[in-house]
Amino acid sequence: METVIDKNILNSKIALKGYNRDELADKLGITPQSVTNIRTGKHNPSFGLINRMYRVLDLSENDAFKIFFAPNLPSK
């Protein structure tokens, strides 16, 4: 299953933590360009990267679900 993220919620969580692109990339172990691609929806993170983002951004389970999994659920 392809991961689709809610980039609006993700971007707000990144802003709340105060990370710039380079800082977040360093903490996640990815390139700054990869951070940009994820934030703009050009690239979807792997499950391993989702797990690292969960920890680095100190997301609640509810936040993580809304960002990474809720957009995948079919609507009625």
PDB file of N, CA and C in Angstrom:
ATOM      1  N   MET A   1       0.837  -1.176   0.000  1.00  0.00           N
ATOM      2  CA  MET A   1       0.000   0.000   0.000  1.00  0.00           C
ATOM      3  C   MET A   1       0.881   1.237   0.000  1.00  0.00           C
ATOM      4  N   GLU A   2       0.603   2.158  -0.877  1.00  0.00           N
ATOM      5  CA  GLU A   2       1.342   3.411  -0.930  1.00  0.00           C
ATOM      6  C   GLU A   2       0.913   4.299   0.231  1.00  0.00           C
ATOM      7  N   THR A   3       1.873   4.915   0.857  1.00  0.00           N
ATOM      8  CA  THR A   3       1.590   5.818   1.961  1.00  0.00           C
ATOM      9  C   THR A   3       1.244   7.183   1.402  1.00  0.00           C
ATOM     10  N   VAL A   4       0.166   7.753   1.859  1.00  0.00           N
ATOM     11  CA  VAL A   4      -0.216   9.111   1.497  1.00  0.00           C
ATOM     12  C   VAL A   4      -0.288   9.883   2.793  1.00  0.00           C
ATOM     13  N   ILE A   5       0.371  11.033   2.834  1.00  0.00           N
ATOM     14  CA  ILE A   5       0.405  11.784   4.079  1.00  0.00           C
ATOM     15  C   ILE A   5      -0.466  13.027   4.000  1.00  0.00           C
ATOM     16  N   ASP A   6      -0.904  13.477   5.156  1.00  0.00           N
ATOM     17  CA  ASP A   6      -1.579  14.767   5.258  1.00  0.00           C
ATOM     18  C   ASP A   6      -0.477  15.785   5.517  1.00  0.00           C
ATOM     19  N   LYS A   7      -0.013  16.404   4.427  1.00  0.00           N
ATOM     20  CA  LYS A   7       1.140  17.292   4.548  1.00  0.00           C
ATOM     21  C   LYS A   7       0.842  18.557   5.335  1.00  0.00           C
ATOM     22  N   ASN A   8      -0.401  18.973   5.401  1.00  0.00           N
ATOM     23  CA  ASN A   8      -0.738  20.166   6.182  1.00  0.00           C
ATOM     24  C   ASN A   8      -0.520  19.936   7.673  1.00  0.00           C
ATOM     25  N   ILE A   9      -0.989  18.806   8.168  1.00  0.00           N
ATOM     26  CA  ILE A   9      -0.787  18.493   9.586  1.00  0.00           C
ATOM     27  C   ILE A   9       0.703  18.256   9.853  1.00  0.00           C
ATOM     28  N   LEU A  10       1.365  17.528   8.955  1.00  0.00           N
ATOM     29  CA  LEU A  10       2.791  17.270   9.126  1.00  0.00           C
ATOM     30  C   LEU A  10       3.564  18.583   9.212  1.00  0.00           C
ATOM     31  N   ASN A  11       3.310  19.485   8.298  1.00  0.00           N
ATOM     32  CA  ASN A  11       4.024  20.762   8.289  1.00  0.00           C
ATOM     33  C   ASN A  11       3.756  21.570   9.551  1.00  0.00           C
ATOM     34  N   SER A  12       2.545  21.507  10.075  1.00  0.00           N
ATOM     35  CA  SER A  12       2.252  22.238  11.315  1.00  0.00           C
ATOM     36  C   SER A  12       3.007  21.622  12.497  1.00  0.00           C
ATOM     37  N   LYS A  13       3.132  20.282  12.525  1.00  0.00           N
ATOM     38  CA  LYS A  13       3.874  19.621  13.608  1.00  0.00           C
ATOM     39  C   LYS A  13       5.365  19.951  13.529  1.00  0.00           C
ATOM     40  N   ILE A  14       5.903  20.023  12.313  1.00  0.00           N
ATOM     41  CA  ILE A  14       7.311  20.406  12.144  1.00  0.00           C
ATOM     42  C   ILE A  14       7.517  21.838  12.627  1.00  0.00           C
ATOM     43  N   ALA A  15       6.605  22.729  12.259  1.00  0.00           N
ATOM     44  CA  ALA A  15       6.717  24.122  12.689  1.00  0.00           C
ATOM     45  C   ALA A  15       6.617  24.248  14.204  1.00  0.00           C
ATOM     46  N   LEU A  16       5.716  23.485  14.821  1.00  0.00           N
ATOM     47  CA  LEU A  16       5.577  23.538  16.279  1.00  0.00           C
ATOM     48  C   LEU A  16       6.846  23.093  16.989  1.00  0.00           C
ATOM     49  N   LYS A  17       7.572  22.145  16.405  1.00  0.00           N
ATOM     50  CA  LYS A  17       8.836  21.696  17.000  1.00  0.00           C
ATOM     51  C   LYS A  17       9.966  22.683  16.724  1.00  0.00           C
ATOM     52  N   GLY A  18       9.773  23.581  15.762  1.00  0.00           N
ATOM     53  CA  GLY A  18      10.767  24.607  15.468  1.00  0.00           C
ATOM     54  C   GLY A  18      11.928  24.148  14.606  1.00  0.00           C
ATOM     55  N   TYR A  19      11.779  23.027  13.908  1.00  0.00           N
ATOM     56  CA  TYR A  19      12.859  22.535  13.062  1.00  0.00           C
ATOM     57  C   TYR A  19      12.851  23.223  11.709  1.00  0.00           C
ATOM     58  N   ASN A  20      14.048  23.599  11.242  1.00  0.00           N
ATOM     59  CA  ASN A  20      14.138  24.007   9.848  1.00  0.00           C
ATOM     60  C   ASN A  20      14.456  22.758   9.032  1.00  0.00           C
ATOM     61  N   ARG A  21      14.495  22.894   7.736  1.00  0.00           N
ATOM     62  CA  ARG A  21      14.672  21.750   6.843  1.00  0.00           C
ATOM     63  C   ARG A  21      15.960  20.983   7.136  1.00  0.00           C
ATOM     64  N   ASP A  22      17.059  21.701   7.322  1.00  0.00           N
ATOM     65  CA  ASP A  22      18.345  21.039   7.541  1.00  0.00           C
ATOM     66  C   ASP A  22      18.394  20.322   8.886  1.00  0.00           C
ATOM     67  N   GLU A  23      17.844  20.941   9.911  1.00  0.00           N
ATOM     68  CA  GLU A  23      17.824  20.305  11.240  1.00  0.00           C
ATOM     69  C   GLU A  23      17.007  19.023  11.225  1.00  0.00           C
ATOM     70  N   LEU A  24      15.838  19.099  10.606  1.00  0.00           N
ATOM     71  CA  LEU A  24      14.980  17.921  10.543  1.00  0.00           C
ATOM     72  C   LEU A  24      15.649  16.811   9.737  1.00  0.00           C
ATOM     73  N   ALA A  25      16.261  17.172   8.619  1.00  0.00           N
ATOM     74  CA  ALA A  25      16.953  16.177   7.796  1.00  0.00           C
ATOM     75  C   ALA A  25      18.046  15.485   8.603  1.00  0.00           C
ATOM     76  N   ASP A  26      18.809  16.265   9.356  1.00  0.00           N
ATOM     77  CA  ASP A  26      19.881  15.702  10.172  1.00  0.00           C
ATOM     78  C   ASP A  26      19.325  14.730  11.216  1.00  0.00           C
ATOM     79  N   LYS A  27      18.258  15.121  11.885  1.00  0.00           N
ATOM     80  CA  LYS A  27      17.671  14.264  12.919  1.00  0.00           C
ATOM     81  C   LYS A  27      17.066  12.986  12.337  1.00  0.00           C
ATOM     82  N   LEU A  28      16.561  13.065  11.103  1.00  0.00           N
ATOM     83  CA  LEU A  28      15.936  11.904  10.464  1.00  0.00           C
ATOM     84  C   LEU A  28      16.925  11.042   9.685  1.00  0.00           C
ATOM     85  N   GLY A  29      18.133  11.577   9.443  1.00  0.00           N
ATOM     86  CA  GLY A  29      19.118  10.831   8.680  1.00  0.00           C
ATOM     87  C   GLY A  29      18.820  10.794   7.192  1.00  0.00           C
ATOM     88  N   ILE A  30      18.214  11.864   6.681  1.00  0.00           N
ATOM     89  CA  ILE A  30      17.911  11.968   5.257  1.00  0.00           C
ATOM     90  C   ILE A  30      18.441  13.302   4.740  1.00  0.00           C
ATOM     91  N   THR A  31      18.357  13.506   3.448  1.00  0.00           N
ATOM     92  CA  THR A  31      18.844  14.759   2.873  1.00  0.00           C
ATOM     93  C   THR A  31      17.804  15.868   3.056  1.00  0.00           C
ATOM     94  N   PRO A  32      18.272  17.111   3.065  1.00  0.00           N
ATOM     95  CA  PRO A  32      17.314  18.230   3.122  1.00  0.00           C
ATOM     96  C   PRO A  32      16.317  18.197   1.964  1.00  0.00           C
ATOM     97  N   GLN A  33      16.761  17.783   0.779  1.00  0.00           N
ATOM     98  CA  GLN A  33      15.849  17.706  -0.360  1.00  0.00           C
ATOM     99  C   GLN A  33      14.759  16.667  -0.115  1.00  0.00           C
ATOM    100  N   SER A  34      15.095  15.576   0.552  1.00  0.00           N
ATOM    101  CA  SER A  34      14.092  14.566   0.881  1.00  0.00           C
ATOM    102  C   SER A  34      13.036  15.139   1.830  1.00  0.00           C
ATOM    103  N   VAL A  35      13.473  15.955   2.786  1.00  0.00           N
ATOM    104  CA  VAL A  35      12.518  16.611   3.687  1.00  0.00           C
ATOM    105  C   VAL A  35      11.566  17.476   2.873  1.00  0.00           C
ATOM    106  N   THR A  36      12.104  18.261   1.960  1.00  0.00           N
ATOM    107  CA  THR A  36      11.267  19.115   1.105  1.00  0.00           C
ATOM    108  C   THR A  36      10.284  18.279   0.302  1.00  0.00           C
ATOM    109  N   ASN A  37      10.759  17.184  -0.268  1.00  0.00           N
ATOM    110  CA  ASN A  37       9.885  16.329  -1.077  1.00  0.00           C
ATOM    111  C   ASN A  37       8.752  15.728  -0.256  1.00  0.00           C
ATOM    112  N   ILE A  38       9.028  15.365   0.985  1.00  0.00           N
ATOM    113  CA  ILE A  38       7.979  14.825   1.854  1.00  0.00           C
ATOM    114  C   ILE A  38       7.003  15.925   2.237  1.00  0.00           C
ATOM    115  N   ARG A  39       7.525  17.095   2.602  1.00  0.00           N
ATOM    116  CA  ARG A  39       6.661  18.191   3.044  1.00  0.00           C
ATOM    117  C   ARG A  39       5.743  18.701   1.944  1.00  0.00           C
ATOM    118  N   THR A  40       6.180  18.589   0.695  1.00  0.00           N
ATOM    119  CA  THR A  40       5.364  19.070  -0.418  1.00  0.00           C
ATOM    120  C   THR A  40       4.508  17.973  -1.046  1.00  0.00           C
ATOM    121  N   GLY A  41       4.682  16.736  -0.566  1.00  0.00           N
ATOM    122  CA  GLY A  41       3.889  15.633  -1.099  1.00  0.00           C
ATOM    123  C   GLY A  41       4.461  14.997  -2.349  1.00  0.00           C
ATOM    124  N   LYS A  42       5.677  15.380  -2.752  1.00  0.00           N
ATOM    125  CA  LYS A  42       6.316  14.771  -3.920  1.00  0.00           C
ATOM    126  C   LYS A  42       6.795  13.354  -3.632  1.00  0.00           C
ATOM    127  N   HIS A  43       7.085  13.078  -2.373  1.00  0.00           N
ATOM    128  CA  HIS A  43       7.617  11.769  -1.977  1.00  0.00           C
ATOM    129  C   HIS A  43       6.895  11.319  -0.717  1.00  0.00           C
ATOM    130  N   ASN A  44       6.537  10.069  -0.669  1.00  0.00           N
ATOM    131  CA  ASN A  44       5.919   9.497   0.522  1.00  0.00           C
ATOM    132  C   ASN A  44       6.965   8.725   1.309  1.00  0.00           C
ATOM    133  N   PRO A  45       7.017   8.929   2.617  1.00  0.00           N
ATOM    134  CA  PRO A  45       8.041   8.253   3.424  1.00  0.00           C
ATOM    135  C   PRO A  45       7.780   6.761   3.567  1.00  0.00           C
ATOM    136  N   SER A  46       8.869   6.021   3.710  1.00  0.00           N
ATOM    137  CA  SER A  46       8.772   4.592   3.989  1.00  0.00           C
ATOM    138  C   SER A  46       8.257   4.420   5.418  1.00  0.00           C
ATOM    139  N   PHE A  47       7.879   3.196   5.773  1.00  0.00           N
ATOM    140  CA  PHE A  47       7.409   2.967   7.137  1.00  0.00           C
ATOM    141  C   PHE A  47       8.524   3.180   8.161  1.00  0.00           C
ATOM    142  N   GLY A  48       9.758   2.861   7.773  1.00  0.00           N
ATOM    143  CA  GLY A  48      10.885   3.124   8.667  1.00  0.00           C
ATOM    144  C   GLY A  48      11.061   4.611   8.933  1.00  0.00           C
ATOM    145  N   LEU A  49      10.925   5.413   7.886  1.00  0.00           N
ATOM    146  CA  LEU A  49      11.040   6.861   8.046  1.00  0.00           C
ATOM    147  C   LEU A  49       9.851   7.417   8.824  1.00  0.00           C
ATOM    148  N   ILE A  50       8.674   6.880   8.605  1.00  0.00           N
ATOM    149  CA  ILE A  50       7.506   7.297   9.388  1.00  0.00           C
ATOM    150  C   ILE A  50       7.781   7.068  10.876  1.00  0.00           C
ATOM    151  N   ASN A  51       8.380   5.937  11.197  1.00  0.00           N
ATOM    152  CA  ASN A  51       8.697   5.630  12.589  1.00  0.00           C
ATOM    153  C   ASN A  51       9.687   6.646  13.159  1.00  0.00           C
ATOM    154  N   ARG A  52      10.711   6.998  12.391  1.00  0.00           N
ATOM    155  CA  ARG A  52      11.675   8.002  12.858  1.00  0.00           C
ATOM    156  C   ARG A  52      11.010   9.365  13.020  1.00  0.00           C
ATOM    157  N   MET A  53      10.122   9.718  12.096  1.00  0.00           N
ATOM    158  CA  MET A  53       9.422  11.004  12.186  1.00  0.00           C
ATOM    159  C   MET A  53       8.538  11.037  13.438  1.00  0.00           C
ATOM    160  N   TYR A  54       7.905   9.924  13.719  1.00  0.00           N
ATOM    161  CA  TYR A  54       7.061   9.797  14.913  1.00  0.00           C
ATOM    162  C   TYR A  54       7.861  10.146  16.168  1.00  0.00           C
ATOM    163  N   ARG A  55       9.066   9.590  16.254  1.00  0.00           N
ATOM    164  CA  ARG A  55       9.909   9.831  17.437  1.00  0.00           C
ATOM    165  C   ARG A  55      10.497  11.236  17.444  1.00  0.00           C
ATOM    166  N   VAL A  56      11.057  11.677  16.326  1.00  0.00           N
ATOM    167  CA  VAL A  56      11.719  12.980  16.258  1.00  0.00           C
ATOM    168  C   VAL A  56      10.727  14.124  16.496  1.00  0.00           C
ATOM    169  N   LEU A  57       9.533  14.001  15.936  1.00  0.00           N
ATOM    170  CA  LEU A  57       8.532  15.054  16.093  1.00  0.00           C
ATOM    171  C   LEU A  57       7.699  14.884  17.356  1.00  0.00           C
ATOM    172  N   ASP A  58       7.965  13.816  18.106  1.00  0.00           N
ATOM    173  CA  ASP A  58       7.252  13.536  19.353  1.00  0.00           C
ATOM    174  C   ASP A  58       5.743  13.568  19.127  1.00  0.00           C
ATOM    175  N   LEU A  59       5.317  12.808  18.119  1.00  0.00           N
ATOM    176  CA  LEU A  59       3.898  12.778  17.760  1.00  0.00           C
ATOM    177  C   LEU A  59       3.126  11.871  18.705  1.00  0.00           C
ATOM    178  N   SER A  60       1.883  12.236  18.948  1.00  0.00           N
ATOM    179  CA  SER A  60       0.996  11.322  19.664  1.00  0.00           C
ATOM    180  C   SER A  60       0.545  10.251  18.666  1.00  0.00           C
ATOM    181  N   GLU A  61       0.008   9.163  19.167  1.00  0.00           N
ATOM    182  CA  GLU A  61      -0.504   8.125  18.269  1.00  0.00           C
ATOM    183  C   GLU A  61      -1.597   8.690  17.371  1.00  0.00           C
ATOM    184  N   ASN A  62      -2.436   9.541  17.928  1.00  0.00           N
ATOM    185  CA  ASN A  62      -3.519  10.150  17.161  1.00  0.00           C
ATOM    186  C   ASN A  62      -2.967  11.040  16.050  1.00  0.00           C
ATOM    187  N   ASP A  63      -1.951  11.857  16.382  1.00  0.00           N
ATOM    188  CA  ASP A  63      -1.334  12.717  15.362  1.00  0.00           C
ATOM    189  C   ASP A  63      -0.742  11.880  14.240  1.00  0.00           C
ATOM    190  N   ALA A  64      -0.002  10.845  14.605  1.00  0.00           N
ATOM    191  CA  ALA A  64       0.634   9.992  13.600  1.00  0.00           C
ATOM    192  C   ALA A  64      -0.420   9.340  12.709  1.00  0.00           C
ATOM    193  N   PHE A  65      -1.498   8.872  13.302  1.00  0.00           N
ATOM    194  CA  PHE A  65      -2.570   8.252  12.510  1.00  0.00           C
ATOM    195  C   PHE A  65      -3.145   9.258  11.517  1.00  0.00           C
ATOM    196  N   LYS A  66      -3.426  10.476  11.994  1.00  0.00           N
ATOM    197  CA  LYS A  66      -4.003  11.500  11.115  1.00  0.00           C
ATOM    198  C   LYS A  66      -3.070  11.866   9.978  1.00  0.00           C
ATOM    199  N   ILE A  67      -1.784  11.959  10.270  1.00  0.00           N
ATOM    200  CA  ILE A  67      -0.813  12.366   9.250  1.00  0.00           C
ATOM    201  C   ILE A  67      -0.550  11.257   8.237  1.00  0.00           C
ATOM    202  N   PHE A  68      -0.268  10.060   8.731  1.00  0.00           N
ATOM    203  CA  PHE A  68       0.250   9.012   7.859  1.00  0.00           C
ATOM    204  C   PHE A  68      -0.764   7.980   7.382  1.00  0.00           C
ATOM    205  N   PHE A  69      -1.873   7.813   8.083  1.00  0.00           N
ATOM    206  CA  PHE A  69      -2.780   6.723   7.720  1.00  0.00           C
ATOM    207  C   PHE A  69      -4.203   7.141   7.395  1.00  0.00           C
ATOM    208  N   ALA A  70      -4.734   8.171   8.016  1.00  0.00           N
ATOM    209  CA  ALA A  70      -6.116   8.574   7.772  1.00  0.00           C
ATOM    210  C   ALA A  70      -6.386   8.889   6.292  1.00  0.00           C
ATOM    211  N   PRO A  71      -5.447   9.561   5.582  1.00  0.00           N
ATOM    212  CA  PRO A  71      -5.729   9.834   4.161  1.00  0.00           C
ATOM    213  C   PRO A  71      -5.868   8.576   3.314  1.00  0.00           C
ATOM    214  N   ASN A  72      -5.387   7.436   3.800  1.00  0.00           N
ATOM    215  CA  ASN A  72      -5.476   6.184   3.043  1.00  0.00           C
ATOM    216  C   ASN A  72      -6.831   5.499   3.186  1.00  0.00           C
ATOM    217  N   LEU A  73      -7.617   5.907   4.168  1.00  0.00           N
ATOM    218  CA  LEU A  73      -8.892   5.243   4.406  1.00  0.00           C
ATOM    219  C   LEU A  73      -9.908   5.658   3.347  1.00  0.00           C
ATOM    220  N   PRO A  74     -10.643   4.703   2.810  1.00  0.00           N
ATOM    221  CA  PRO A  74     -11.649   5.049   1.805  1.00  0.00           C
ATOM    222  C   PRO A  74     -12.794   5.839   2.449  1.00  0.00           C
ATOM    223  N   SER A  75     -13.308   6.785   1.691  1.00  0.00           N
ATOM    224  CA  SER A  75     -14.451   7.538   2.212  1.00  0.00           C
ATOM    225  C   SER A  75     -15.724   6.782   1.874  1.00  0.00           C
ATOM    226  N   LYS A  76     -16.759   7.069   2.630  1.00  0.00           N
ATOM    227  CA  LYS A  76     -18.042   6.367   2.406  1.00  0.00           C
ATOM    228  C   LYS A  76     -18.737   6.888   1.181  1.00  0.00           C
TER     229      LYS A  76
END
